[in-house]
Amino acid sequence: MHKDLERIANRLASEAEKTIAFFSDLTQDAWRQQVYTTGSCWNVRQILAHFVATERALTRLMNNVVEGGSGVPTSFEIDAFNEREVEALERAEIPRLIEDFQLARSEIIDWVRGLDPEDLERTGRHPWFGETELRKMLKLVYRHNMIHLRDVRKALAERAPVPHEHIQPPAE
């Protein structure tokens, strides 16, 4: 496998392990902690549901780009999509969400391992970055979770949600 693809696959795997370990160690009270002050004011459980929905959606998006598609439509509303997807997972039990996250991430890793190196340069419209290369989309898969987990840790430590101004887009 090409070194860039191997590096991305390994990073996706290592960050997934950290994410699963983090969520697996939470107390029942921690799952109810509100994390954000905006939108639906997601709690920790809803952040995990968001991870599951996002992993699934990004797999479809990135596959579309590799197959020559343009990515998400210009009219795509990321906040509305996120709210709908998290709400759709509202009844899922926490252990099932952890399993679903692990499965979705494993599917992305397997998919990455099947790519050709030149696929990393393909471009499409990403809901956060706009028009960008697949390479950046793949990096955002794990960076996205890192950003939310940072906010979850802060909310748990302070026992208070993270104010809107602290929510930052991922660094390139």
N, C-alpha and C. Protein backbone atom coordinates (compact mmCIF):
# COMPACT_ATOMS: atom_id res chain seq x y z
N MET A 1 0.84 -1.18 0.00
CA MET A 1 0.00 0.00 0.00
C MET A 1 0.89 1.24 0.00
N HIS A 2 0.43 2.27 -0.69
CA HIS A 2 1.15 3.54 -0.75
C HIS A 2 1.28 4.14 0.65
N LYS A 3 2.41 4.78 0.91
CA LYS A 3 2.68 5.29 2.27
C LYS A 3 1.65 6.31 2.74
N ASP A 4 1.15 7.18 1.86
CA ASP A 4 0.15 8.16 2.27
C ASP A 4 -1.16 7.47 2.68
N LEU A 5 -1.56 6.48 1.91
CA LEU A 5 -2.78 5.74 2.25
C LEU A 5 -2.60 4.96 3.55
N GLU A 6 -1.45 4.37 3.72
CA GLU A 6 -1.17 3.62 4.96
C GLU A 6 -1.18 4.55 6.17
N ARG A 7 -0.59 5.72 6.02
CA ARG A 7 -0.54 6.69 7.12
C ARG A 7 -1.97 7.14 7.50
N ILE A 8 -2.78 7.42 6.50
CA ILE A 8 -4.15 7.84 6.77
C ILE A 8 -4.94 6.71 7.43
N ALA A 9 -4.82 5.50 6.89
CA ALA A 9 -5.54 4.35 7.46
C ALA A 9 -5.11 4.11 8.90
N ASN A 10 -3.83 4.20 9.17
CA ASN A 10 -3.33 3.99 10.54
C ASN A 10 -3.83 5.07 11.48
N ARG A 11 -3.87 6.31 11.02
CA ARG A 11 -4.35 7.40 11.86
C ARG A 11 -5.84 7.24 12.15
N LEU A 12 -6.60 6.86 11.12
CA LEU A 12 -8.03 6.60 11.32
C LEU A 12 -8.23 5.50 12.37
N ALA A 13 -7.42 4.46 12.30
CA ALA A 13 -7.53 3.34 13.25
C ALA A 13 -7.14 3.77 14.66
N SER A 14 -6.04 4.48 14.80
CA SER A 14 -5.59 4.86 16.15
C SER A 14 -6.55 5.85 16.80
N GLU A 15 -7.07 6.79 16.02
CA GLU A 15 -8.03 7.74 16.59
C GLU A 15 -9.35 7.06 16.94
N ALA A 16 -9.73 6.05 16.15
CA ALA A 16 -10.95 5.29 16.48
C ALA A 16 -10.78 4.57 17.80
N GLU A 17 -9.62 3.96 18.01
CA GLU A 17 -9.36 3.27 19.27
C GLU A 17 -9.48 4.23 20.45
N LYS A 18 -8.92 5.42 20.31
CA LYS A 18 -9.00 6.41 21.39
C LYS A 18 -10.45 6.83 21.63
N THR A 19 -11.19 7.02 20.55
CA THR A 19 -12.58 7.44 20.67
C THR A 19 -13.41 6.37 21.37
N ILE A 20 -13.24 5.13 20.96
CA ILE A 20 -13.98 4.02 21.56
C ILE A 20 -13.61 3.87 23.04
N ALA A 21 -12.34 3.96 23.36
CA ALA A 21 -11.90 3.86 24.75
C ALA A 21 -12.51 4.99 25.59
N PHE A 22 -12.52 6.19 25.05
CA PHE A 22 -13.09 7.33 25.78
C PHE A 22 -14.56 7.09 26.10
N PHE A 23 -15.34 6.77 25.08
CA PHE A 23 -16.77 6.58 25.29
C PHE A 23 -17.07 5.36 26.15
N SER A 24 -16.26 4.33 26.05
CA SER A 24 -16.48 3.11 26.83
C SER A 24 -16.26 3.32 28.32
N ASP A 25 -15.49 4.32 28.68
CA ASP A 25 -15.16 4.57 30.09
C ASP A 25 -16.07 5.59 30.78
N LEU A 26 -17.06 6.12 30.09
CA LEU A 26 -17.89 7.16 30.68
C LEU A 26 -18.90 6.59 31.68
N THR A 27 -19.21 7.39 32.68
CA THR A 27 -20.25 7.04 33.65
C THR A 27 -21.62 7.37 33.06
N GLN A 28 -22.67 6.86 33.67
CA GLN A 28 -24.03 7.17 33.21
C GLN A 28 -24.31 8.67 33.26
N ASP A 29 -23.85 9.33 34.30
CA ASP A 29 -24.06 10.77 34.41
C ASP A 29 -23.37 11.54 33.29
N ALA A 30 -22.20 11.09 32.92
CA ALA A 30 -21.44 11.79 31.87
C ALA A 30 -22.20 11.83 30.55
N TRP A 31 -22.93 10.79 30.24
CA TRP A 31 -23.65 10.73 28.96
C TRP A 31 -24.70 11.83 28.84
N ARG A 32 -25.19 12.32 29.98
CA ARG A 32 -26.23 13.35 29.96
C ARG A 32 -25.67 14.77 29.95
N GLN A 33 -24.37 14.91 30.12
CA GLN A 33 -23.76 16.25 30.17
C GLN A 33 -23.98 16.98 28.85
N GLN A 34 -24.56 18.17 28.95
CA GLN A 34 -24.72 19.02 27.77
C GLN A 34 -23.33 19.48 27.33
N VAL A 35 -23.07 19.45 26.02
CA VAL A 35 -21.75 19.82 25.50
C VAL A 35 -21.77 21.20 24.85
N TYR A 36 -22.81 21.52 24.10
CA TYR A 36 -22.85 22.78 23.35
C TYR A 36 -24.02 23.66 23.79
N THR A 37 -23.88 24.95 23.53
CA THR A 37 -24.92 25.91 23.87
C THR A 37 -25.72 26.32 22.64
N THR A 38 -25.40 25.77 21.48
CA THR A 38 -26.07 26.15 20.24
C THR A 38 -26.84 24.97 19.65
N GLY A 39 -27.67 25.26 18.67
CA GLY A 39 -28.43 24.21 18.00
C GLY A 39 -29.32 23.49 18.99
N SER A 40 -29.27 22.18 18.97
CA SER A 40 -30.06 21.37 19.91
C SER A 40 -29.34 21.15 21.23
N CYS A 41 -28.24 21.83 21.43
CA CYS A 41 -27.49 21.75 22.69
C CYS A 41 -27.14 20.30 23.02
N TRP A 42 -26.50 19.63 22.08
CA TRP A 42 -26.20 18.21 22.21
C TRP A 42 -25.53 17.85 23.52
N ASN A 43 -25.90 16.68 24.03
CA ASN A 43 -25.20 16.11 25.17
C ASN A 43 -24.17 15.10 24.65
N VAL A 44 -23.46 14.47 25.56
CA VAL A 44 -22.38 13.55 25.17
C VAL A 44 -22.92 12.39 24.33
N ARG A 45 -24.05 11.84 24.71
CA ARG A 45 -24.64 10.74 23.95
C ARG A 45 -24.94 11.17 22.52
N GLN A 46 -25.45 12.38 22.37
CA GLN A 46 -25.77 12.88 21.03
C GLN A 46 -24.51 13.14 20.20
N ILE A 47 -23.41 13.47 20.85
CA ILE A 47 -22.14 13.61 20.13
C ILE A 47 -21.74 12.26 19.54
N LEU A 48 -21.87 11.20 20.32
CA LEU A 48 -21.55 9.87 19.79
C LEU A 48 -22.48 9.52 18.62
N ALA A 49 -23.76 9.82 18.74
CA ALA A 49 -24.69 9.58 17.64
C ALA A 49 -24.26 10.38 16.41
N HIS A 50 -23.82 11.59 16.63
CA HIS A 50 -23.31 12.43 15.53
C HIS A 50 -22.10 11.77 14.86
N PHE A 51 -21.21 11.20 15.65
CA PHE A 51 -20.06 10.49 15.08
C PHE A 51 -20.50 9.35 14.17
N VAL A 52 -21.47 8.57 14.63
CA VAL A 52 -21.97 7.45 13.83
C VAL A 52 -22.55 7.96 12.52
N ALA A 53 -23.42 8.94 12.60
CA ALA A 53 -24.06 9.48 11.40
C ALA A 53 -23.03 10.09 10.44
N THR A 54 -22.07 10.79 10.99
CA THR A 54 -21.06 11.44 10.16
C THR A 54 -20.16 10.43 9.46
N GLU A 55 -19.73 9.41 10.18
CA GLU A 55 -18.88 8.39 9.56
C GLU A 55 -19.60 7.75 8.38
N ARG A 56 -20.87 7.44 8.57
CA ARG A 56 -21.64 6.82 7.49
C ARG A 56 -21.79 7.77 6.30
N ALA A 57 -22.12 9.02 6.59
CA ALA A 57 -22.33 9.99 5.51
C ALA A 57 -21.04 10.30 4.77
N LEU A 58 -19.94 10.43 5.50
CA LEU A 58 -18.67 10.73 4.84
C LEU A 58 -18.19 9.58 3.97
N THR A 59 -18.51 8.36 4.36
CA THR A 59 -18.17 7.22 3.51
C THR A 59 -18.87 7.36 2.15
N ARG A 60 -20.15 7.68 2.19
CA ARG A 60 -20.90 7.87 0.93
C ARG A 60 -20.35 9.04 0.13
N LEU A 61 -20.07 10.14 0.82
CA LEU A 61 -19.55 11.33 0.14
C LEU A 61 -18.22 11.03 -0.54
N MET A 62 -17.30 10.44 0.19
CA MET A 62 -15.96 10.20 -0.36
C MET A 62 -16.00 9.18 -1.49
N ASN A 63 -16.85 8.19 -1.36
CA ASN A 63 -17.00 7.22 -2.44
C ASN A 63 -17.54 7.91 -3.70
N ASN A 64 -18.46 8.83 -3.52
CA ASN A 64 -19.00 9.61 -4.63
C ASN A 64 -17.88 10.36 -5.34
N VAL A 65 -16.99 10.97 -4.58
CA VAL A 65 -15.88 11.73 -5.16
C VAL A 65 -14.94 10.82 -5.93
N VAL A 66 -14.60 9.67 -5.36
CA VAL A 66 -13.70 8.73 -6.04
C VAL A 66 -14.33 8.23 -7.34
N GLU A 67 -15.64 8.07 -7.34
CA GLU A 67 -16.32 7.59 -8.54
C GLU A 67 -16.56 8.70 -9.56
N GLY A 68 -16.03 9.90 -9.30
CA GLY A 68 -16.15 11.00 -10.26
C GLY A 68 -17.27 11.97 -9.98
N GLY A 69 -17.97 11.79 -8.85
CA GLY A 69 -19.05 12.69 -8.48
C GLY A 69 -18.52 14.02 -7.97
N SER A 70 -19.44 14.95 -7.74
CA SER A 70 -19.05 16.30 -7.33
C SER A 70 -19.08 16.51 -5.82
N GLY A 71 -19.50 15.50 -5.05
CA GLY A 71 -19.60 15.66 -3.60
C GLY A 71 -20.99 16.13 -3.22
N VAL A 72 -21.09 16.87 -2.12
CA VAL A 72 -22.41 17.34 -1.68
C VAL A 72 -22.89 18.47 -2.58
N PRO A 73 -24.21 18.60 -2.73
CA PRO A 73 -24.73 19.71 -3.54
C PRO A 73 -24.46 21.05 -2.86
N THR A 74 -24.42 22.11 -3.64
CA THR A 74 -24.17 23.44 -3.07
C THR A 74 -25.27 23.85 -2.09
N SER A 75 -26.45 23.27 -2.24
CA SER A 75 -27.58 23.60 -1.36
C SER A 75 -27.56 22.81 -0.04
N PHE A 76 -26.57 21.95 0.15
CA PHE A 76 -26.52 21.09 1.34
C PHE A 76 -26.43 21.93 2.61
N GLU A 77 -27.30 21.64 3.55
CA GLU A 77 -27.34 22.35 4.84
C GLU A 77 -26.79 21.43 5.92
N ILE A 78 -25.54 21.62 6.28
CA ILE A 78 -24.87 20.71 7.21
C ILE A 78 -25.53 20.69 8.59
N ASP A 79 -25.94 21.84 9.10
CA ASP A 79 -26.54 21.86 10.44
C ASP A 79 -27.88 21.11 10.45
N ALA A 80 -28.70 21.33 9.44
CA ALA A 80 -29.98 20.62 9.36
C ALA A 80 -29.76 19.12 9.21
N PHE A 81 -28.79 18.74 8.39
CA PHE A 81 -28.46 17.33 8.21
C PHE A 81 -28.04 16.71 9.54
N ASN A 82 -27.13 17.38 10.24
CA ASN A 82 -26.65 16.85 11.52
C ASN A 82 -27.78 16.69 12.53
N GLU A 83 -28.66 17.66 12.61
CA GLU A 83 -29.79 17.58 13.55
C GLU A 83 -30.69 16.39 13.21
N ARG A 84 -31.01 16.22 11.93
CA ARG A 84 -31.88 15.10 11.51
C ARG A 84 -31.24 13.75 11.82
N GLU A 85 -29.97 13.63 11.51
CA GLU A 85 -29.28 12.35 11.69
C GLU A 85 -29.15 11.98 13.17
N VAL A 86 -28.84 12.94 14.00
CA VAL A 86 -28.73 12.67 15.44
C VAL A 86 -30.10 12.30 16.01
N GLU A 87 -31.11 13.02 15.59
CA GLU A 87 -32.47 12.71 16.05
C GLU A 87 -32.88 11.29 15.63
N ALA A 88 -32.49 10.87 14.44
CA ALA A 88 -32.83 9.53 13.95
C ALA A 88 -32.20 8.43 14.80
N LEU A 89 -31.11 8.74 15.49
CA LEU A 89 -30.42 7.75 16.33
C LEU A 89 -30.78 7.90 17.81
N GLU A 90 -31.79 8.69 18.11
CA GLU A 90 -32.14 9.01 19.50
C GLU A 90 -32.48 7.77 20.33
N ARG A 91 -33.06 6.76 19.74
CA ARG A 91 -33.48 5.56 20.50
C ARG A 91 -32.39 4.49 20.58
N ALA A 92 -31.31 4.67 19.87
CA ALA A 92 -30.24 3.66 19.89
C ALA A 92 -29.56 3.64 21.26
N GLU A 93 -29.33 2.44 21.76
CA GLU A 93 -28.65 2.28 23.04
C GLU A 93 -27.17 2.64 22.88
N ILE A 94 -26.55 3.09 23.96
CA ILE A 94 -25.15 3.52 23.92
C ILE A 94 -24.22 2.40 23.44
N PRO A 95 -24.31 1.18 23.96
CA PRO A 95 -23.41 0.14 23.45
C PRO A 95 -23.56 -0.08 21.94
N ARG A 96 -24.79 0.05 21.45
CA ARG A 96 -25.02 -0.10 20.01
C ARG A 96 -24.38 1.04 19.23
N LEU A 97 -24.45 2.26 19.75
CA LEU A 97 -23.82 3.40 19.09
C LEU A 97 -22.30 3.21 19.03
N ILE A 98 -21.72 2.72 20.10
CA ILE A 98 -20.27 2.46 20.10
C ILE A 98 -19.93 1.41 19.05
N GLU A 99 -20.71 0.34 18.99
CA GLU A 99 -20.50 -0.69 17.97
C GLU A 99 -20.66 -0.12 16.56
N ASP A 100 -21.69 0.68 16.37
CA ASP A 100 -21.94 1.26 15.05
C ASP A 100 -20.81 2.20 14.63
N PHE A 101 -20.29 2.96 15.60
CA PHE A 101 -19.15 3.82 15.28
C PHE A 101 -17.96 2.97 14.86
N GLN A 102 -17.68 1.93 15.63
CA GLN A 102 -16.54 1.07 15.33
C GLN A 102 -16.69 0.43 13.94
N LEU A 103 -17.88 -0.03 13.62
CA LEU A 103 -18.13 -0.64 12.32
C LEU A 103 -17.97 0.38 11.19
N ALA A 104 -18.56 1.56 11.37
CA ALA A 104 -18.47 2.59 10.33
C ALA A 104 -17.02 3.00 10.10
N ARG A 105 -16.26 3.16 11.17
CA ARG A 105 -14.85 3.55 11.02
C ARG A 105 -14.06 2.42 10.37
N SER A 106 -14.33 1.18 10.73
CA SER A 106 -13.65 0.04 10.10
C SER A 106 -13.91 0.01 8.61
N GLU A 107 -15.14 0.33 8.22
CA GLU A 107 -15.47 0.37 6.80
C GLU A 107 -14.69 1.45 6.07
N ILE A 108 -14.52 2.61 6.70
CA ILE A 108 -13.73 3.68 6.09
C ILE A 108 -12.28 3.23 5.94
N ILE A 109 -11.73 2.62 6.98
CA ILE A 109 -10.33 2.17 6.94
C ILE A 109 -10.14 1.15 5.82
N ASP A 110 -11.03 0.18 5.73
CA ASP A 110 -10.94 -0.81 4.66
C ASP A 110 -11.05 -0.15 3.29
N TRP A 111 -11.93 0.82 3.18
CA TRP A 111 -12.12 1.54 1.93
C TRP A 111 -10.84 2.29 1.55
N VAL A 112 -10.22 2.96 2.52
CA VAL A 112 -8.97 3.68 2.27
C VAL A 112 -7.89 2.72 1.77
N ARG A 113 -7.82 1.57 2.38
CA ARG A 113 -6.79 0.59 1.98
C ARG A 113 -7.00 0.09 0.55
N GLY A 114 -8.19 0.26 0.01
CA GLY A 114 -8.46 -0.16 -1.36
C GLY A 114 -8.30 0.95 -2.39
N LEU A 115 -7.94 2.14 -1.93
CA LEU A 115 -7.78 3.27 -2.86
C LEU A 115 -6.46 3.20 -3.61
N ASP A 116 -6.41 3.88 -4.72
CA ASP A 116 -5.17 4.11 -5.44
C ASP A 116 -4.62 5.45 -4.97
N PRO A 117 -3.29 5.62 -4.92
CA PRO A 117 -2.72 6.87 -4.44
C PRO A 117 -3.26 8.11 -5.16
N GLU A 118 -3.51 8.00 -6.46
CA GLU A 118 -4.01 9.17 -7.20
C GLU A 118 -5.43 9.56 -6.79
N ASP A 119 -6.16 8.65 -6.14
CA ASP A 119 -7.50 8.99 -5.65
C ASP A 119 -7.45 10.10 -4.61
N LEU A 120 -6.35 10.20 -3.89
CA LEU A 120 -6.22 11.23 -2.85
C LEU A 120 -6.29 12.64 -3.42
N GLU A 121 -5.99 12.78 -4.70
CA GLU A 121 -5.99 14.10 -5.33
C GLU A 121 -7.34 14.45 -5.95
N ARG A 122 -8.26 13.51 -6.00
CA ARG A 122 -9.59 13.80 -6.56
C ARG A 122 -10.26 14.87 -5.71
N THR A 123 -11.06 15.69 -6.34
CA THR A 123 -11.71 16.77 -5.60
C THR A 123 -13.23 16.65 -5.68
N GLY A 124 -13.86 17.18 -4.66
CA GLY A 124 -15.31 17.23 -4.58
C GLY A 124 -15.70 18.22 -3.51
N ARG A 125 -16.97 18.48 -3.42
CA ARG A 125 -17.48 19.46 -2.45
C ARG A 125 -17.75 18.76 -1.12
N HIS A 126 -17.08 19.25 -0.10
CA HIS A 126 -17.23 18.76 1.27
C HIS A 126 -18.13 19.74 2.01
N PRO A 127 -19.00 19.27 2.93
CA PRO A 127 -19.92 20.18 3.60
C PRO A 127 -19.24 21.23 4.48
N TRP A 128 -18.02 21.00 4.90
CA TRP A 128 -17.32 21.96 5.77
C TRP A 128 -16.25 22.72 5.00
N PHE A 129 -15.44 22.02 4.23
CA PHE A 129 -14.32 22.63 3.50
C PHE A 129 -14.71 23.24 2.17
N GLY A 130 -15.86 22.88 1.63
CA GLY A 130 -16.18 23.27 0.27
C GLY A 130 -15.41 22.38 -0.70
N GLU A 131 -15.03 22.93 -1.83
CA GLU A 131 -14.30 22.16 -2.84
C GLU A 131 -12.90 21.84 -2.31
N THR A 132 -12.59 20.54 -2.21
CA THR A 132 -11.30 20.14 -1.65
C THR A 132 -10.93 18.74 -2.12
N GLU A 133 -9.70 18.37 -1.83
CA GLU A 133 -9.18 17.06 -2.21
C GLU A 133 -9.65 15.98 -1.24
N LEU A 134 -9.74 14.77 -1.76
CA LEU A 134 -10.10 13.62 -0.93
C LEU A 134 -9.14 13.47 0.25
N ARG A 135 -7.88 13.76 0.03
CA ARG A 135 -6.87 13.68 1.10
C ARG A 135 -7.32 14.49 2.32
N LYS A 136 -7.80 15.71 2.09
CA LYS A 136 -8.24 16.57 3.20
C LYS A 136 -9.54 16.05 3.82
N MET A 137 -10.41 15.51 2.99
CA MET A 137 -11.65 14.93 3.52
C MET A 137 -11.34 13.79 4.48
N LEU A 138 -10.39 12.96 4.10
CA LEU A 138 -10.02 11.82 4.95
C LEU A 138 -9.41 12.28 6.27
N LYS A 139 -8.59 13.30 6.21
CA LYS A 139 -8.01 13.82 7.46
C LYS A 139 -9.09 14.40 8.37
N LEU A 140 -10.09 15.02 7.76
CA LEU A 140 -11.15 15.59 8.57
C LEU A 140 -11.97 14.51 9.27
N VAL A 141 -12.01 13.31 8.73
CA VAL A 141 -12.76 12.23 9.38
C VAL A 141 -12.28 12.08 10.82
N TYR A 142 -10.96 12.00 11.03
CA TYR A 142 -10.49 11.85 12.41
C TYR A 142 -10.37 13.19 13.14
N ARG A 143 -10.03 14.25 12.43
CA ARG A 143 -9.93 15.55 13.10
C ARG A 143 -11.29 16.02 13.62
N HIS A 144 -12.33 15.73 12.88
CA HIS A 144 -13.68 16.08 13.29
C HIS A 144 -13.98 15.53 14.68
N ASN A 145 -13.68 14.26 14.88
CA ASN A 145 -13.93 13.64 16.18
C ASN A 145 -13.03 14.23 17.25
N MET A 146 -11.80 14.52 16.91
CA MET A 146 -10.87 15.10 17.88
C MET A 146 -11.40 16.44 18.39
N ILE A 147 -11.95 17.24 17.49
CA ILE A 147 -12.49 18.55 17.87
C ILE A 147 -13.67 18.38 18.84
N HIS A 148 -14.60 17.50 18.48
CA HIS A 148 -15.75 17.28 19.36
C HIS A 148 -15.33 16.66 20.69
N LEU A 149 -14.39 15.73 20.66
CA LEU A 149 -13.94 15.11 21.92
C LEU A 149 -13.26 16.13 22.82
N ARG A 150 -12.53 17.06 22.24
CA ARG A 150 -11.94 18.15 23.04
C ARG A 150 -13.05 18.90 23.76
N ASP A 151 -14.12 19.21 23.04
CA ASP A 151 -15.23 19.94 23.63
C ASP A 151 -15.97 19.11 24.69
N VAL A 152 -16.12 17.82 24.43
CA VAL A 152 -16.76 16.93 25.41
C VAL A 152 -15.94 16.90 26.69
N ARG A 153 -14.63 16.73 26.55
CA ARG A 153 -13.76 16.69 27.74
C ARG A 153 -13.87 17.99 28.54
N LYS A 154 -13.89 19.10 27.83
CA LYS A 154 -14.00 20.40 28.51
C LYS A 154 -15.35 20.51 29.22
N ALA A 155 -16.42 20.13 28.55
CA ALA A 155 -17.76 20.19 29.17
C ALA A 155 -17.84 19.29 30.40
N LEU A 156 -17.25 18.11 30.31
CA LEU A 156 -17.26 17.19 31.46
C LEU A 156 -16.41 17.73 32.60
N ALA A 157 -15.26 18.26 32.29
CA ALA A 157 -14.36 18.78 33.33
C ALA A 157 -14.97 19.98 34.05
N GLU A 158 -15.62 20.85 33.28
CA GLU A 158 -16.19 22.07 33.86
C GLU A 158 -17.65 21.90 34.27
N ARG A 159 -18.22 20.75 33.92
CA ARG A 159 -19.64 20.49 34.18
C ARG A 159 -20.52 21.60 33.63
N ALA A 160 -20.13 22.06 32.45
CA ALA A 160 -20.86 23.14 31.78
C ALA A 160 -20.62 23.01 30.28
N PRO A 161 -21.61 23.40 29.49
CA PRO A 161 -21.43 23.32 28.04
C PRO A 161 -20.38 24.30 27.53
N VAL A 162 -19.87 24.00 26.35
CA VAL A 162 -18.86 24.83 25.71
C VAL A 162 -19.58 25.97 25.00
N PRO A 163 -19.23 27.22 25.31
CA PRO A 163 -19.86 28.35 24.62
C PRO A 163 -19.58 28.32 23.11
N HIS A 164 -20.49 28.87 22.36
CA HIS A 164 -20.40 28.84 20.90
C HIS A 164 -19.07 29.38 20.37
N GLU A 165 -18.55 30.42 20.95
CA GLU A 165 -17.32 31.02 20.42
C GLU A 165 -16.11 30.10 20.54
N HIS A 166 -16.22 29.03 21.31
CA HIS A 166 -15.10 28.10 21.45
C HIS A 166 -15.12 27.00 20.40
N ILE A 167 -16.19 26.91 19.64
CA ILE A 167 -16.29 25.89 18.59
C ILE A 167 -15.53 26.40 17.38
N GLN A 168 -14.45 25.73 17.04
CA GLN A 168 -13.58 26.18 15.97
C GLN A 168 -13.53 25.16 14.84
N PRO A 169 -13.40 25.64 13.59
CA PRO A 169 -13.22 24.70 12.48
C PRO A 169 -11.85 24.04 12.58
N PRO A 170 -11.70 22.90 11.93
CA PRO A 170 -10.42 22.18 12.01
C PRO A 170 -9.29 22.94 11.34
N ALA A 171 -8.11 22.85 11.92
CA ALA A 171 -6.92 23.44 11.30
C ALA A 171 -6.49 22.54 10.16
N GLU A 172 -5.97 23.15 9.13
CA GLU A 172 -5.49 22.36 7.99
C GLU A 172 -4.23 21.75 8.40
